[in-house]
Structures are given as C-alpha cells and as structure tokens.
Amino acid sequence: MNAGDLAWVLVSSSLIMLMTPAVGLFYGGMVRRKNVLSTIMMSFSVLALLTIQWVVYGYSLAFGPDVAHLIGTLDWVGLRGVDLNPEPHYAAGIPHLAFMLFQMKFAVITPALISGAFVERIRFSSFLIFCLLWTTLVYDPMAHWMWATNGWLHNLGALDFAGGTVIHIMSGVAALAMALVIRKRKGFGKIPMEPNNVLLTIIGVVLLWFGWFGFNGGSALAANGTAVYAIVTTNVAASAAALTWMLLSWRHSRPSVIGVATGAVTGLVAITPACGYVGVPAALIIGAVAAVVSYYCMQLRSRLNIDESLDVWACHGMAGTWGALATGIFASKAVNPAGADGWFFGNPHLFWVQLASVAVAWVFSFGMTYLIAKGIDAVHSLSVGISEEEVGLDISQHGEDLYAGL
C-alpha cells in the first residue's frame, strides 16, 4: 500500500465532494430569484441521499462480483468485506474502502447534474424518488459495464478515464429525456427568465474547475505521471473551451460572463473521458471543439422549443459525446500504456469501440430515464402545480425565501 497514493485519492475524493454543492451554486445563479434555494437544495440533498444508497447497495451493484457482465452481485451490501485491504482488480495501492469512497462521489454528482434540466418546476419529493431510481437502475449498471473488471463495455475495450460516458453522456441524455416528459415552465419562450445572480454562477464554476482536478487527476488512483497528464490536459481543455466560447459569443453579440463560464464547463466535460490518455495538443483541440459543439447544440435546443432549463444536454451530453469519440481519435499509449492508441496513432478500431459505447449510453440513458420519468409522473406527478410554480419553489417546496426583505 502506498501512502502517497492514498493521500492523493483522499484529497481527490474531497475535491469531488465539493463539486456537488458547486453544481447547486452554478445552477442556482442561473434560475429566477424565487427558485434559488430549491435549486441548491437538489444538489445538497443528493449528497446525503446517494451516499446512503451507495453504501447500502449501490457500490455492490456497480463494482461487486460480476453477473453475466451486466451488474454486480449483492455480496458487498452494506460494504461487507470492503475494508482497509486493497482490492487488486481496481486499486492495488490503496485500501478498498478508499476506492469505494472515490467512486461514491461520482455516483453522487451525476443526478445533481441532471437537475438543471427541470429546475423551477419539479416537485421535490418526485426529484428524490427519481434520483434513487435513476442511480439504481441506470447509473449503477452503466458504471459496471464500463468500469467493473468484467463489465461488457470494459471487455470490449472502451475507454472512459474519469466518467465522460458514465457521468456526462448519461446525465446529459437523461436531462433531455426528462425535459420531454415534464411539462414546460409557465411562460416558457414568452416571458424573460433571466439569471438572478451571475456572481453565484461564477463561484460555482470556479469551484467546479478546481474540483475537476480531483475528478480527473484522482481517477489515476495514484500520485503518478498519469495524474499529472490528467490535471494538465484538464486545465488546457477548459481554457481552450472558455476562450472559444468567448469568441463565438463575441461574434454573435457580446462575450457574456455566463457564456465564458459555460464554455469552461464544456471543456472540462469533454476532456474527462480522455484526460489520462491524451497529450496536451489533443486536449487543446478537444476543448475548443467542445465549445463549438455545445454552443450550437444550445441554439438548436432553443429553436426546437424544448424547455431543458439550463442546457444540461448541450453542455454535458454533447460535450461528453464529443470527448468520448475524441478519445478514440487522440488516445496514445505513449501517454498511458494502460490505455490504447487511437485513430490518429494508427488504430481506428478504438474509435469504433468508442462510438459503440456512446451509442449504448445514449440509448440506455434516454430509454430508461423516459420510462422512470413517465412512471413517477403517472403515480406521483413530476411537476408542482401552476400556483406553486408562480409563487416559486423556494417557498412552495421549502418554506424559505433567500431574498426575503430585500
């Protein structure tokens, strides 16, 4: 067991934990003032809810002994047998319990990302039910397929260093499915729905960018050269995407602060599956292209009149899709011998494997999310009533008002 590796994984887990409430701040600044607390509450509540789900049975489903390459057994329910001894299949240099902790933070943040699709109109109780069902039925199986020792996508040779497919494509596509099930906000497309606090959003993005070094660098599961590559490529891709978004928005109107911040997030998303497999020049390309892809997908969503509130599909689903495919193009064994060479380095097969994994993520996430959302809506109703929406979810769902007296 390596003390340096363990310290790095523990620090990285803490950085990722910070990202979940940071998502709440990022989203909270972009909603109307009557819905700020409810938006932040969604991210904060999943931190508690899904920690318990992961400990009780989620980790066992995702990483437990394999059943038909599809799901884990319940052998590790309640973390039975998950102790301070290393688990050689996943992280031989750190305790099994530390690996579980690191993966827990990934499971927690994914539904928090989806919440941006339906802020300002979802019933809080429905949100909690959705998160529990979605994580159990969608996230845990996909994590097993891609990352578990004998998962079928893992065996196929698909690469996802830190969750571009498992986390970002899955959450982005789920956001699109949810937006097609839940009713639109009253006045959508007819009345202004401006951000209430741009500063709150920027603080959220800064914390996300900072936490992403643990998100991506920690996925090396060791304090080594791969972690260095992951952190450097992460910063380069985010910077390239932020600048590209700024130029695009400047060309069409003016370079907004929220726009540049959103651009940085698209770069962070896109580099996530590739960060430990590609070099710095590739990271620059991945980040720049991600901003272009997400920018125009956002405009497409608007033209299609889909009320996907905070463009989770464009920023996470589409940037994640590009990043997963780009991994199949730019991955290099010179960077990470444990990976594979991509198309650019003479191995087009990896690109087709990546394309297959992307297709699986899209179909599985969209189909399962749509069914889960329809089921909840039929039994419990996804959205609040119109009068509750008009008052605002802060008061109608939580009995609090952030701006009371102001």
Foldseek 3Di string as FASTA:
>chain_A
DDPQLLVLLVVLLVLLLLLLLLLLLQLLQFFDQQFSVVSSVLSVVLSVVLVVVLQQALVQQQAAPDDPLFTGDRPCGNHVVQDFQPDVLQANPGGSVSVSSSVSSLLSRQLSLLSLQDGLWFFPVLSSVLSSCCSRQPLRRLSSLCPYNRHVLVVVAAFFQQDLLSRQQLSLLLSLLLLVQADAAVCQVNDDGGGDHVVSSVSSLVSNLSSLLSRQLCSVSGPDLLSVQLNLLLVLLLVLQLVLQQVVVVVVPHRDPSSSSLSSLLLNSLCRRQSSFAGNVLSNVLSNVSNVQLVVVVVVCVVVSGRRPRSSNSRRNRSSLSSLLSNQAGGDCVRPVVHDHHVVVPCPVNNVSSVVSSVVSNVSSSVVSNVSSVVCCVPPNTTDDNVCSVSHCCCSNPNDRPPPPD
